[in-house]
Amino acid sequence: MKVLKLIVESLLISMLFNLIGNHGIYLNRFWTQTYWMWTVGFAIAIGTAVVFTQMFLKAFWTYWQKQYPDLTLMRKGRIMTKSIPKGQLFCAILATTIPILSIYLYIIYCIASVRSEDTYSLLRSYLLHYMPIISTGCVAYVSYVFLNGKLWWLTTENVMALLGKEIIAQRSLVENTTEKEEAIAPPSALDRTIVIGSLYDVLYNHSPFSPNTLGADAVRMFDVPFYFSQKRKKEVILINGIRLEAHHYVQELERLGLDKWYFRINSTCRVNMMHVRQPIMPNATYLEFRKEVFDSLKLNMTELEISNLLQITEWMRKEKKLKDFLDNVNKLEHEGWDYLIRLN
């Protein structure tokens, strides 16, 4: 459907454009063979420019993910280019526009060399009368696409798929599936280090999430899925999706030896790996929370907001941080997971 829309719009714009002459609009061109030859050619050029712009935006988005792993570059099905430094965004628009116009000029030159003995005279005339309009239109369109951040394929559903799973469909599937219930021994009856694959089940069965364990001053480590650290600002997201300031939280975790459970997903956000579904592959593109965690967070967060915080960037995978964490995760102790830890 989008391809058909592109073809129709390109053809209409091209038909109007090729009626414009040096001194106004020439409707008599409509019946000439030359007019339709230029119309079809220019429509193809418009469609090609649109596709190129989409390709360049996707390429720059991938690049920005590596350069700025701490920025949220995707929200509600759109690429958040406005969070990119203005200089970088300007260079990206310029780097997209110049190749498109260069290819177009080359094609015009080839046509001029075939149709006229005086190639450069025809080319100069074309540049004088048409290129200002074409250049302005190209810059305006590329700028619009980059600032709007809307790729054809980047719907909310495809964002979920890009992160590794269509979350909405998966939630529905999980909710309609009854998992086999097994008797799980309390943590005190097991070793201080429980195998990561069963740790969540053991802890959650012993003490599920409850409003009684959430306080404004102190909370359990098990009730804090996310920790954020920025200059002069420390925050946590509680299991119910509420965000609170937490200037002393990590210091308390370090004192208990629990800080290592928080995997740094980017330069500002850490994820509580006790809540993540196992196993995790070293080349994973996202982390998946257990159903109870995900459902509880949705009380005050959207599914896309949660998914964005669980995305593992290309930069993180190349640095092999996840693999290093997984290699040592079964050596981490859980003792103190249910202590009340002060936030400030």
C-alpha atoms as a PDB file:
ATOM      1  CA  MET A   1       0.000   0.000   0.000  1.00  0.00           C
ATOM      2  CA  LYS A   2       2.822   2.410   0.860  1.00  0.00           C
ATOM      3  CA  VAL A   3       4.592   1.576  -2.403  1.00  0.00           C
ATOM      4  CA  LEU A   4       1.422   2.296  -4.401  1.00  0.00           C
ATOM      5  CA  LYS A   5       0.973   5.581  -2.550  1.00  0.00           C
ATOM      6  CA  LEU A   6       4.585   6.529  -3.321  1.00  0.00           C
ATOM      7  CA  ILE A   7       4.123   5.757  -7.035  1.00  0.00           C
ATOM      8  CA  VAL A   8       0.925   7.829  -7.294  1.00  0.00           C
ATOM      9  CA  GLU A   9       2.320  10.796  -5.342  1.00  0.00           C
ATOM     10  CA  SER A  10       5.606  10.765  -7.286  1.00  0.00           C
ATOM     11  CA  LEU A  11       3.750  10.714 -10.590  1.00  0.00           C
ATOM     12  CA  LEU A  12       1.441  13.591  -9.617  1.00  0.00           C
ATOM     13  CA  ILE A  13       4.315  15.755  -8.400  1.00  0.00           C
ATOM     14  CA  SER A  14       6.292  14.978 -11.542  1.00  0.00           C
ATOM     15  CA  MET A  15       3.339  15.821 -13.800  1.00  0.00           C
ATOM     16  CA  LEU A  16       2.937  19.211 -12.145  1.00  0.00           C
ATOM     17  CA  PHE A  17       6.654  19.935 -12.090  1.00  0.00           C
ATOM     18  CA  ASN A  18       7.167  19.215 -15.791  1.00  0.00           C
ATOM     19  CA  LEU A  19       4.395  21.630 -16.758  1.00  0.00           C
ATOM     20  CA  ILE A  20       6.490  24.478 -15.321  1.00  0.00           C
ATOM     21  CA  GLY A  21       8.476  26.388 -17.914  1.00  0.00           C
ATOM     22  CA  ASN A  22      10.711  29.437 -17.943  1.00  0.00           C
ATOM     23  CA  HIS A  23       7.759  31.807 -18.035  1.00  0.00           C
ATOM     24  CA  GLY A  24       5.008  29.952 -16.235  1.00  0.00           C
ATOM     25  CA  ILE A  25       2.950  26.798 -16.687  1.00  0.00           C
ATOM     26  CA  TYR A  26       2.653  25.320 -20.193  1.00  0.00           C
ATOM     27  CA  LEU A  27      -0.438  23.107 -20.363  1.00  0.00           C
ATOM     28  CA  ASN A  28       0.187  22.292 -24.036  1.00  0.00           C
ATOM     29  CA  ARG A  29       3.134  20.126 -22.952  1.00  0.00           C
ATOM     30  CA  PHE A  30       0.687  17.626 -21.533  1.00  0.00           C
ATOM     31  CA  TRP A  31       0.038  16.084 -24.947  1.00  0.00           C
ATOM     32  CA  THR A  32       3.660  15.691 -26.039  1.00  0.00           C
ATOM     33  CA  GLN A  33       5.769  12.545 -25.894  1.00  0.00           C
ATOM     34  CA  THR A  34       8.723  14.458 -24.461  1.00  0.00           C
ATOM     35  CA  TYR A  35       6.609  15.655 -21.527  1.00  0.00           C
ATOM     36  CA  TRP A  36       5.648  12.108 -20.522  1.00  0.00           C
ATOM     37  CA  MET A  37       9.208  10.877 -20.946  1.00  0.00           C
ATOM     38  CA  TRP A  38      10.450  13.525 -18.503  1.00  0.00           C
ATOM     39  CA  THR A  39       7.447  12.954 -16.222  1.00  0.00           C
ATOM     40  CA  VAL A  40       8.079   9.231 -15.856  1.00  0.00           C
ATOM     41  CA  GLY A  41      11.818   9.818 -15.431  1.00  0.00           C
ATOM     42  CA  PHE A  42      11.326  12.459 -12.752  1.00  0.00           C
ATOM     43  CA  ALA A  43       8.745  10.300 -10.935  1.00  0.00           C
ATOM     44  CA  ILE A  44      11.322   7.490 -10.791  1.00  0.00           C
ATOM     45  CA  ALA A  45      13.860  10.008  -9.473  1.00  0.00           C
ATOM     46  CA  ILE A  46      11.451  11.103  -6.717  1.00  0.00           C
ATOM     47  CA  GLY A  47      10.760   7.503  -5.692  1.00  0.00           C
ATOM     48  CA  THR A  48      14.474   6.723  -5.658  1.00  0.00           C
ATOM     49  CA  ALA A  49      15.165   9.808  -3.510  1.00  0.00           C
ATOM     50  CA  VAL A  50      12.493   8.717  -1.007  1.00  0.00           C
ATOM     51  CA  VAL A  51      13.984   5.222  -0.730  1.00  0.00           C
ATOM     52  CA  PHE A  52      17.514   6.641  -0.397  1.00  0.00           C
ATOM     53  CA  THR A  53      16.368   8.962   2.390  1.00  0.00           C
ATOM     54  CA  GLN A  54      14.853   6.031   4.278  1.00  0.00           C
ATOM     55  CA  MET A  55      18.070   4.030   3.861  1.00  0.00           C
ATOM     56  CA  PHE A  56      20.249   6.919   5.054  1.00  0.00           C
ATOM     57  CA  LEU A  57      18.038   7.547   8.098  1.00  0.00           C
ATOM     58  CA  LYS A  58      18.237   3.881   9.110  1.00  0.00           C
ATOM     59  CA  ALA A  59      22.033   3.900   8.604  1.00  0.00           C
ATOM     60  CA  PHE A  60      22.483   7.031  10.715  1.00  0.00           C
ATOM     61  CA  TRP A  61      20.149   5.653  13.396  1.00  0.00           C
ATOM     62  CA  THR A  62      22.326   2.529  13.649  1.00  0.00           C
ATOM     63  CA  TYR A  63      25.419   4.734  13.854  1.00  0.00           C
ATOM     64  CA  TRP A  64      23.908   6.971  16.545  1.00  0.00           C
ATOM     65  CA  GLN A  65      23.001   3.933  18.636  1.00  0.00           C
ATOM     66  CA  LYS A  66      26.714   3.116  18.845  1.00  0.00           C
ATOM     67  CA  GLN A  67      27.828   6.712  19.392  1.00  0.00           C
ATOM     68  CA  TYR A  68      25.188   7.625  21.976  1.00  0.00           C
ATOM     69  CA  PRO A  69      24.210   4.444  23.839  1.00  0.00           C
ATOM     70  CA  ASP A  70      22.829   6.497  26.729  1.00  0.00           C
ATOM     71  CA  LEU A  71      20.246   8.323  24.597  1.00  0.00           C
ATOM     72  CA  THR A  72      16.723   7.072  23.970  1.00  0.00           C
ATOM     73  CA  LEU A  73      16.644   6.985  20.167  1.00  0.00           C
ATOM     74  CA  MET A  74      13.317   5.267  19.711  1.00  0.00           C
ATOM     75  CA  ARG A  75       9.923   6.049  21.208  1.00  0.00           C
ATOM     76  CA  LYS A  76       6.358   5.312  20.087  1.00  0.00           C
ATOM     77  CA  GLY A  77       7.465   4.013  16.712  1.00  0.00           C
ATOM     78  CA  ARG A  78       9.654   7.019  15.859  1.00  0.00           C
ATOM     79  CA  ILE A  79      13.379   7.664  15.809  1.00  0.00           C
ATOM     80  CA  MET A  80      14.094  10.429  18.321  1.00  0.00           C
ATOM     81  CA  THR A  81      16.534  12.456  16.207  1.00  0.00           C
ATOM     82  CA  LYS A  82      15.821  15.612  18.195  1.00  0.00           C
ATOM     83  CA  SER A  83      17.912  14.205  21.041  1.00  0.00           C
ATOM     84  CA  ILE A  84      20.940  14.018  18.712  1.00  0.00           C
ATOM     85  CA  PRO A  85      23.377  17.003  18.853  1.00  0.00           C
ATOM     86  CA  LYS A  86      22.300  19.641  16.321  1.00  0.00           C
ATOM     87  CA  GLY A  87      25.640  19.538  14.506  1.00  0.00           C
ATOM     88  CA  GLN A  88      25.393  15.777  14.019  1.00  0.00           C
ATOM     89  CA  LEU A  89      21.822  16.040  12.768  1.00  0.00           C
ATOM     90  CA  PHE A  90      22.712  18.836  10.332  1.00  0.00           C
ATOM     91  CA  CYS A  91      25.643  16.827   8.951  1.00  0.00           C
ATOM     92  CA  ALA A  92      23.390  13.769   8.555  1.00  0.00           C
ATOM     93  CA  ILE A  93      20.814  15.773   6.576  1.00  0.00           C
ATOM     94  CA  LEU A  94      23.579  17.262   4.429  1.00  0.00           C
ATOM     95  CA  ALA A  95      25.226  13.875   3.911  1.00  0.00           C
ATOM     96  CA  THR A  96      21.884  12.503   2.716  1.00  0.00           C
ATOM     97  CA  THR A  97      20.928  15.412   0.449  1.00  0.00           C
ATOM     98  CA  ILE A  98      24.236  15.789  -1.406  1.00  0.00           C
ATOM     99  CA  PRO A  99      24.446  12.201  -2.779  1.00  0.00           C
ATOM    100  CA  ILE A 100      20.784  12.308  -3.870  1.00  0.00           C
ATOM    101  CA  LEU A 101      21.249  15.597  -5.746  1.00  0.00           C
ATOM    102  CA  SER A 102      24.581  14.426  -7.179  1.00  0.00           C
ATOM    103  CA  ILE A 103      23.008  11.274  -8.637  1.00  0.00           C
ATOM    104  CA  TYR A 104      20.131  13.328 -10.041  1.00  0.00           C
ATOM    105  CA  LEU A 105      22.505  15.831 -11.681  1.00  0.00           C
ATOM    106  CA  TYR A 106      24.503  13.024 -13.214  1.00  0.00           C
ATOM    107  CA  ILE A 107      21.349  11.559 -14.779  1.00  0.00           C
ATOM    108  CA  ILE A 108      20.361  14.996 -16.112  1.00  0.00           C
ATOM    109  CA  TYR A 109      23.829  15.392 -17.594  1.00  0.00           C
ATOM    110  CA  CYS A 110      23.537  12.017 -19.340  1.00  0.00           C
ATOM    111  CA  ILE A 111      20.148  12.987 -20.779  1.00  0.00           C
ATOM    112  CA  ALA A 112      21.466  16.381 -21.896  1.00  0.00           C
ATOM    113  CA  SER A 113      24.439  14.790 -23.642  1.00  0.00           C
ATOM    114  CA  VAL A 114      22.112  12.538 -25.643  1.00  0.00           C
ATOM    115  CA  ARG A 115      19.456  15.120 -26.508  1.00  0.00           C
ATOM    116  CA  SER A 116      21.589  18.123 -27.396  1.00  0.00           C
ATOM    117  CA  GLU A 117      24.769  18.889 -29.295  1.00  0.00           C
ATOM    118  CA  ASP A 118      25.473  21.674 -26.839  1.00  0.00           C
ATOM    119  CA  THR A 119      25.330  19.604 -23.641  1.00  0.00           C
ATOM    120  CA  TYR A 120      26.594  22.296 -21.295  1.00  0.00           C
ATOM    121  CA  SER A 121      24.214  24.940 -22.618  1.00  0.00           C
ATOM    122  CA  LEU A 122      21.220  22.703 -21.943  1.00  0.00           C
ATOM    123  CA  LEU A 123      22.635  21.724 -18.556  1.00  0.00           C
ATOM    124  CA  ARG A 124      23.177  25.379 -17.578  1.00  0.00           C
ATOM    125  CA  SER A 125      19.618  26.208 -18.576  1.00  0.00           C
ATOM    126  CA  TYR A 126      18.267  23.321 -16.513  1.00  0.00           C
ATOM    127  CA  LEU A 127      20.356  24.282 -13.484  1.00  0.00           C
ATOM    128  CA  LEU A 128      19.219  27.894 -13.734  1.00  0.00           C
ATOM    129  CA  HIS A 129      15.486  27.252 -13.986  1.00  0.00           C
ATOM    130  CA  TYR A 130      14.881  23.952 -12.194  1.00  0.00           C
ATOM    131  CA  MET A 131      17.652  23.106  -9.732  1.00  0.00           C
ATOM    132  CA  PRO A 132      16.719  25.787  -7.150  1.00  0.00           C
ATOM    133  CA  ILE A 133      13.236  24.236  -6.902  1.00  0.00           C
ATOM    134  CA  ILE A 134      14.571  20.668  -6.848  1.00  0.00           C
ATOM    135  CA  SER A 135      17.302  21.444  -4.295  1.00  0.00           C
ATOM    136  CA  THR A 136      14.890  23.272  -1.988  1.00  0.00           C
ATOM    137  CA  GLY A 137      12.376  20.447  -2.226  1.00  0.00           C
ATOM    138  CA  CYS A 138      15.028  17.790  -1.585  1.00  0.00           C
ATOM    139  CA  VAL A 139      16.459  19.572   1.463  1.00  0.00           C
ATOM    140  CA  ALA A 140      12.968  20.205   2.839  1.00  0.00           C
ATOM    141  CA  TYR A 141      11.929  16.562   2.401  1.00  0.00           C
ATOM    142  CA  VAL A 142      15.111  15.085   3.899  1.00  0.00           C
ATOM    143  CA  SER A 143      14.900  17.497   6.842  1.00  0.00           C
ATOM    144  CA  TYR A 144      11.243  16.579   7.387  1.00  0.00           C
ATOM    145  CA  VAL A 145      11.971  12.832   7.370  1.00  0.00           C
ATOM    146  CA  PHE A 146      14.944  13.164   9.746  1.00  0.00           C
ATOM    147  CA  LEU A 147      13.167  15.499  12.177  1.00  0.00           C
ATOM    148  CA  ASN A 148       9.961  13.471  12.066  1.00  0.00           C
ATOM    149  CA  GLY A 149      11.934  10.249  12.530  1.00  0.00           C
ATOM    150  CA  LYS A 150       9.320   8.101  10.819  1.00  0.00           C
ATOM    151  CA  LEU A 151      10.589   5.130   8.834  1.00  0.00           C
ATOM    152  CA  TRP A 152       8.116   3.204   6.671  1.00  0.00           C
ATOM    153  CA  TRP A 153       8.639  -0.056   8.531  1.00  0.00           C
ATOM    154  CA  LEU A 154       9.055   1.454  12.017  1.00  0.00           C
ATOM    155  CA  THR A 155       5.572   0.941  13.439  1.00  0.00           C
ATOM    156  CA  THR A 156       5.071   0.272  17.145  1.00  0.00           C
ATOM    157  CA  GLU A 157       4.707  -3.434  16.398  1.00  0.00           C
ATOM    158  CA  ASN A 158       7.905  -3.489  14.352  1.00  0.00           C
ATOM    159  CA  VAL A 159       9.764  -1.651  17.090  1.00  0.00           C
ATOM    160  CA  MET A 160       8.865  -4.530  19.367  1.00  0.00           C
ATOM    161  CA  ALA A 161      10.075  -7.009  16.777  1.00  0.00           C
ATOM    162  CA  LEU A 162      13.278  -5.019  16.358  1.00  0.00           C
ATOM    163  CA  LEU A 163      13.969  -5.371  20.052  1.00  0.00           C
ATOM    164  CA  GLY A 164      13.644  -9.109  19.629  1.00  0.00           C
ATOM    165  CA  LYS A 165       9.970  -9.836  20.410  1.00  0.00           C
ATOM    166  CA  GLU A 166       6.512  -8.541  19.632  1.00  0.00           C
ATOM    167  CA  ILE A 167       5.752  -7.686  23.241  1.00  0.00           C
ATOM    168  CA  ILE A 168       2.007  -7.235  22.922  1.00  0.00           C
ATOM    169  CA  ALA A 169       1.496 -10.590  21.248  1.00  0.00           C
ATOM    170  CA  GLN A 170       3.865 -12.247  23.688  1.00  0.00           C
ATOM    171  CA  ARG A 171       2.017 -10.827  26.718  1.00  0.00           C
ATOM    172  CA  SER A 172      -1.238 -12.234  25.377  1.00  0.00           C
ATOM    173  CA  LEU A 173       0.381 -15.614  24.782  1.00  0.00           C
ATOM    174  CA  VAL A 174       1.903 -15.745  28.250  1.00  0.00           C
ATOM    175  CA  GLU A 175      -1.309 -14.670  29.943  1.00  0.00           C
ATOM    176  CA  ASN A 176      -3.195 -17.510  28.246  1.00  0.00           C
ATOM    177  CA  THR A 177      -0.581 -20.101  29.156  1.00  0.00           C
ATOM    178  CA  THR A 178      -0.577 -21.809  32.524  1.00  0.00           C
ATOM    179  CA  GLU A 179       2.934 -22.653  33.596  1.00  0.00           C
ATOM    180  CA  LYS A 180       3.539 -25.875  35.437  1.00  0.00           C
ATOM    181  CA  GLU A 181       3.588 -25.264  39.167  1.00  0.00           C
ATOM    182  CA  GLU A 182       6.348 -26.841  41.170  1.00  0.00           C
ATOM    183  CA  ALA A 183       7.151 -26.788  44.855  1.00  0.00           C
ATOM    184  CA  ILE A 184      10.040 -24.389  45.367  1.00  0.00           C
ATOM    185  CA  ALA A 185      12.099 -24.430  48.540  1.00  0.00           C
ATOM    186  CA  PRO A 186      12.649 -21.108  50.365  1.00  0.00           C
ATOM    187  CA  PRO A 187      16.021 -19.350  49.889  1.00  0.00           C
ATOM    188  CA  SER A 188      17.088 -20.148  53.433  1.00  0.00           C
ATOM    189  CA  ALA A 189      16.942 -23.871  52.644  1.00  0.00           C
ATOM    190  CA  LEU A 190      19.260 -23.524  49.667  1.00  0.00           C
ATOM    191  CA  ASP A 191      22.831 -22.442  49.087  1.00  0.00           C
ATOM    192  CA  ARG A 192      23.760 -18.789  49.314  1.00  0.00           C
ATOM    193  CA  THR A 193      24.288 -18.890  45.564  1.00  0.00           C
ATOM    194  CA  ILE A 194      21.323 -20.293  43.659  1.00  0.00           C
ATOM    195  CA  VAL A 195      21.678 -21.166  39.976  1.00  0.00           C
ATOM    196  CA  ILE A 196      20.536 -18.141  37.970  1.00  0.00           C
ATOM    197  CA  GLY A 197      17.967 -20.152  36.016  1.00  0.00           C
ATOM    198  CA  SER A 198      15.908 -20.831  39.140  1.00  0.00           C
ATOM    199  CA  LEU A 199      16.839 -17.838  41.311  1.00  0.00           C
ATOM    200  CA  TYR A 200      13.849 -15.679  40.379  1.00  0.00           C
ATOM    201  CA  ASP A 201      11.378 -18.520  40.979  1.00  0.00           C
ATOM    202  CA  VAL A 202      12.842 -19.207  44.397  1.00  0.00           C
ATOM    203  CA  LEU A 203      12.837 -15.572  45.517  1.00  0.00           C
ATOM    204  CA  TYR A 204       9.438 -14.667  44.056  1.00  0.00           C
ATOM    205  CA  ASN A 205       7.791 -17.778  45.511  1.00  0.00           C
ATOM    206  CA  HIS A 206       9.215 -16.935  48.922  1.00  0.00           C
ATOM    207  CA  SER A 207       8.183 -13.260  48.854  1.00  0.00           C
ATOM    208  CA  PRO A 208       6.149 -11.924  45.891  1.00  0.00           C
ATOM    209  CA  PHE A 209       5.891  -8.249  45.023  1.00  0.00           C
ATOM    210  CA  SER A 210       3.654  -6.360  47.416  1.00  0.00           C
ATOM    211  CA  PRO A 211       2.739  -2.697  48.076  1.00  0.00           C
ATOM    212  CA  ASN A 212       3.832  -3.308  51.681  1.00  0.00           C
ATOM    213  CA  THR A 213       7.464  -3.670  50.566  1.00  0.00           C
ATOM    214  CA  LEU A 214       7.455  -0.374  48.630  1.00  0.00           C
ATOM    215  CA  GLY A 215       8.326   2.698  50.628  1.00  0.00           C
ATOM    216  CA  ALA A 216       9.381   6.254  49.887  1.00  0.00           C
ATOM    217  CA  ASP A 217      12.590   5.869  51.925  1.00  0.00           C
ATOM    218  CA  ALA A 218      13.583   2.200  51.780  1.00  0.00           C
ATOM    219  CA  VAL A 219      12.775  -0.724  49.467  1.00  0.00           C
ATOM    220  CA  ARG A 220      13.928  -4.266  48.790  1.00  0.00           C
ATOM    221  CA  MET A 221      16.565  -4.792  46.136  1.00  0.00           C
ATOM    222  CA  PHE A 222      14.134  -7.299  44.572  1.00  0.00           C
ATOM    223  CA  ASP A 223      11.622  -4.449  44.073  1.00  0.00           C
ATOM    224  CA  VAL A 224      13.986  -2.263  41.990  1.00  0.00           C
ATOM    225  CA  PRO A 225      14.218  -3.371  38.339  1.00  0.00           C
ATOM    226  CA  PHE A 226      16.096  -0.258  37.116  1.00  0.00           C
ATOM    227  CA  TYR A 227      18.720   2.092  38.526  1.00  0.00           C
ATOM    228  CA  PHE A 228      19.750   5.342  36.783  1.00  0.00           C
ATOM    229  CA  SER A 229      22.913   7.281  37.433  1.00  0.00           C
ATOM    230  CA  GLN A 230      23.598  10.684  35.904  1.00  0.00           C
ATOM    231  CA  LYS A 231      25.664  13.639  37.031  1.00  0.00           C
ATOM    232  CA  ARG A 232      24.167  14.882  40.316  1.00  0.00           C
ATOM    233  CA  LYS A 233      21.079  12.722  39.790  1.00  0.00           C
ATOM    234  CA  LYS A 234      20.436   9.153  40.951  1.00  0.00           C
ATOM    235  CA  GLU A 235      17.072   7.459  40.487  1.00  0.00           C
ATOM    236  CA  VAL A 236      15.384   4.067  40.627  1.00  0.00           C
ATOM    237  CA  ILE A 237      12.263   2.685  38.987  1.00  0.00           C
ATOM    238  CA  LEU A 238      10.306   0.582  41.453  1.00  0.00           C
ATOM    239  CA  ILE A 239       8.487  -2.627  40.554  1.00  0.00           C
ATOM    240  CA  ASN A 240       5.224  -0.666  40.115  1.00  0.00           C
ATOM    241  CA  GLY A 241       6.818   1.665  37.524  1.00  0.00           C
ATOM    242  CA  ILE A 242       7.208   4.650  39.866  1.00  0.00           C
ATOM    243  CA  ARG A 243      10.485   6.607  39.599  1.00  0.00           C
ATOM    244  CA  LEU A 244      12.134   7.895  42.819  1.00  0.00           C
ATOM    245  CA  GLU A 245      15.345   9.691  43.709  1.00  0.00           C
ATOM    246  CA  ALA A 246      17.916   7.317  45.216  1.00  0.00           C
ATOM    247  CA  HIS A 247      21.208   9.001  46.050  1.00  0.00           C
ATOM    248  CA  HIS A 248      22.429   6.310  48.484  1.00  0.00           C
ATOM    249  CA  TYR A 249      20.942   3.214  46.914  1.00  0.00           C
ATOM    250  CA  VAL A 250      24.054   1.951  45.142  1.00  0.00           C
ATOM    251  CA  GLN A 251      26.258   2.597  48.164  1.00  0.00           C
ATOM    252  CA  GLU A 252      23.964   0.376  50.214  1.00  0.00           C
ATOM    253  CA  LEU A 253      24.037  -2.294  47.494  1.00  0.00           C
ATOM    254  CA  GLU A 254      27.847  -2.181  47.424  1.00  0.00           C
ATOM    255  CA  ARG A 255      27.944  -2.617  51.189  1.00  0.00           C
ATOM    256  CA  LEU A 256      25.793  -5.755  50.858  1.00  0.00           C
ATOM    257  CA  GLY A 257      27.632  -7.011  47.779  1.00  0.00           C
ATOM    258  CA  LEU A 258      24.470  -6.875  45.649  1.00  0.00           C
ATOM    259  CA  ASP A 259      25.527  -4.121  43.254  1.00  0.00           C
ATOM    260  CA  LYS A 260      26.972  -6.682  40.826  1.00  0.00           C
ATOM    261  CA  TRP A 261      23.449  -7.881  40.021  1.00  0.00           C
ATOM    262  CA  TYR A 262      22.787  -4.630  38.177  1.00  0.00           C
ATOM    263  CA  PHE A 263      23.958  -4.963  34.596  1.00  0.00           C
ATOM    264  CA  ARG A 264      24.836  -1.657  32.914  1.00  0.00           C
ATOM    265  CA  ILE A 265      22.617  -1.581  29.816  1.00  0.00           C
ATOM    266  CA  ASN A 266      24.027   1.829  28.795  1.00  0.00           C
ATOM    267  CA  SER A 267      25.961   4.666  30.402  1.00  0.00           C
ATOM    268  CA  THR A 268      23.034   5.802  32.589  1.00  0.00           C
ATOM    269  CA  CYS A 269      20.798   2.769  33.159  1.00  0.00           C
ATOM    270  CA  ARG A 270      21.368  -0.521  34.996  1.00  0.00           C
ATOM    271  CA  VAL A 271      18.979  -3.479  34.990  1.00  0.00           C
ATOM    272  CA  ASN A 272      18.370  -5.856  37.903  1.00  0.00           C
ATOM    273  CA  MET A 273      19.329  -9.205  36.343  1.00  0.00           C
ATOM    274  CA  MET A 274      17.428 -11.163  39.011  1.00  0.00           C
ATOM    275  CA  HIS A 275      14.261 -10.262  37.083  1.00  0.00           C
ATOM    276  CA  VAL A 276      15.423 -11.341  33.635  1.00  0.00           C
ATOM    277  CA  ARG A 277      14.178 -14.513  31.984  1.00  0.00           C
ATOM    278  CA  GLN A 278      16.913 -17.101  31.462  1.00  0.00           C
ATOM    279  CA  PRO A 279      18.828 -18.211  29.513  1.00  0.00           C
ATOM    280  CA  ILE A 280      20.352 -15.120  27.873  1.00  0.00           C
ATOM    281  CA  MET A 281      22.486 -15.491  24.770  1.00  0.00           C
ATOM    282  CA  PRO A 282      25.707 -13.423  24.533  1.00  0.00           C
ATOM    283  CA  ASN A 283      24.529 -11.976  21.199  1.00  0.00           C
ATOM    284  CA  ALA A 284      21.069 -11.016  22.513  1.00  0.00           C
ATOM    285  CA  THR A 285      19.621  -7.694  21.339  1.00  0.00           C
ATOM    286  CA  TYR A 286      17.303  -7.283  24.331  1.00  0.00           C
ATOM    287  CA  LEU A 287      16.611  -8.586  27.816  1.00  0.00           C
ATOM    288  CA  GLU A 288      13.217 -10.054  28.728  1.00  0.00           C
ATOM    289  CA  PHE A 289      11.697  -9.531  32.150  1.00  0.00           C
ATOM    290  CA  ARG A 290       9.679 -12.250  33.858  1.00  0.00           C
ATOM    291  CA  LYS A 291       5.913 -11.924  33.423  1.00  0.00           C
ATOM    292  CA  GLU A 292       5.197 -10.727  36.983  1.00  0.00           C
ATOM    293  CA  VAL A 293       7.861  -8.013  36.699  1.00  0.00           C
ATOM    294  CA  PHE A 294       6.644  -6.821  33.322  1.00  0.00           C
ATOM    295  CA  ASP A 295       2.982  -6.751  34.388  1.00  0.00           C
ATOM    296  CA  SER A 296       3.786  -4.864  37.568  1.00  0.00           C
ATOM    297  CA  LEU A 297       5.840  -2.217  35.740  1.00  0.00           C
ATOM    298  CA  LYS A 298       2.927  -1.644  33.349  1.00  0.00           C
ATOM    299  CA  LEU A 299       0.954  -0.079  36.211  1.00  0.00           C
ATOM    300  CA  ASN A 300       2.799   3.192  35.525  1.00  0.00           C
ATOM    301  CA  MET A 301       4.827   2.559  32.343  1.00  0.00           C
ATOM    302  CA  THR A 302       4.018   1.677  28.751  1.00  0.00           C
ATOM    303  CA  GLU A 303       5.260  -1.547  27.159  1.00  0.00           C
ATOM    304  CA  LEU A 304       7.429   0.434  24.755  1.00  0.00           C
ATOM    305  CA  GLU A 305       9.057   2.410  27.578  1.00  0.00           C
ATOM    306  CA  ILE A 306       9.941  -0.818  29.372  1.00  0.00           C
ATOM    307  CA  SER A 307      11.234  -2.435  26.182  1.00  0.00           C
ATOM    308  CA  ASN A 308      13.426   0.562  25.359  1.00  0.00           C
ATOM    309  CA  LEU A 309      15.137   0.202  28.737  1.00  0.00           C
ATOM    310  CA  LEU A 310      15.823  -3.480  28.066  1.00  0.00           C
ATOM    311  CA  GLN A 311      17.450  -2.988  24.675  1.00  0.00           C
ATOM    312  CA  ILE A 312      21.110  -4.016  24.414  1.00  0.00           C
ATOM    313  CA  THR A 313      22.907  -1.664  22.044  1.00  0.00           C
ATOM    314  CA  GLU A 314      25.349  -2.700  19.348  1.00  0.00           C
ATOM    315  CA  TRP A 315      28.034  -0.911  21.341  1.00  0.00           C
ATOM    316  CA  MET A 316      27.309  -3.062  24.384  1.00  0.00           C
ATOM    317  CA  ARG A 317      27.477  -6.301  22.407  1.00  0.00           C
ATOM    318  CA  LYS A 318      30.758  -5.336  20.742  1.00  0.00           C
ATOM    319  CA  GLU A 319      32.273  -4.544  24.112  1.00  0.00           C
ATOM    320  CA  LYS A 320      31.264  -8.091  25.238  1.00  0.00           C
ATOM    321  CA  LYS A 321      29.957  -6.718  28.520  1.00  0.00           C
ATOM    322  CA  LEU A 322      26.993  -9.064  28.490  1.00  0.00           C
ATOM    323  CA  LYS A 323      29.128 -12.145  27.870  1.00  0.00           C
ATOM    324  CA  ASP A 324      31.442 -11.194  30.729  1.00  0.00           C
ATOM    325  CA  PHE A 325      28.471 -10.757  33.048  1.00  0.00           C
ATOM    326  CA  LEU A 326      26.916 -14.091  32.066  1.00  0.00           C
ATOM    327  CA  ASP A 327      30.220 -15.887  32.580  1.00  0.00           C
ATOM    328  CA  ASN A 328      30.200 -14.833  36.232  1.00  0.00           C
ATOM    329  CA  VAL A 329      26.492 -14.568  37.055  1.00  0.00           C
ATOM    330  CA  ASN A 330      26.279 -17.929  38.853  1.00  0.00           C
ATOM    331  CA  LYS A 331      29.012 -16.789  41.239  1.00  0.00           C
ATOM    332  CA  LEU A 332      26.964 -13.858  42.537  1.00  0.00           C
ATOM    333  CA  GLU A 333      25.356 -14.120  45.959  1.00  0.00           C
ATOM    334  CA  HIS A 334      21.736 -13.225  46.582  1.00  0.00           C
ATOM    335  CA  GLU A 335      21.881 -12.870  50.347  1.00  0.00           C
ATOM    336  CA  GLY A 336      20.247  -9.594  51.362  1.00  0.00           C
ATOM    337  CA  TRP A 337      17.859  -9.461  48.397  1.00  0.00           C
ATOM    338  CA  ASP A 338      14.901  -8.840  50.755  1.00  0.00           C
ATOM    339  CA  TYR A 339      16.594  -6.358  53.139  1.00  0.00           C
ATOM    340  CA  LEU A 340      15.094  -2.883  53.228  1.00  0.00           C
ATOM    341  CA  ILE A 341      17.640  -0.623  51.559  1.00  0.00           C
ATOM    342  CA  ARG A 342      17.447   3.125  52.091  1.00  0.00           C
ATOM    343  CA  LEU A 343      17.231   5.292  48.981  1.00  0.00           C
ATOM    344  CA  ASN A 344      18.479   8.589  50.402  1.00  0.00           C
END
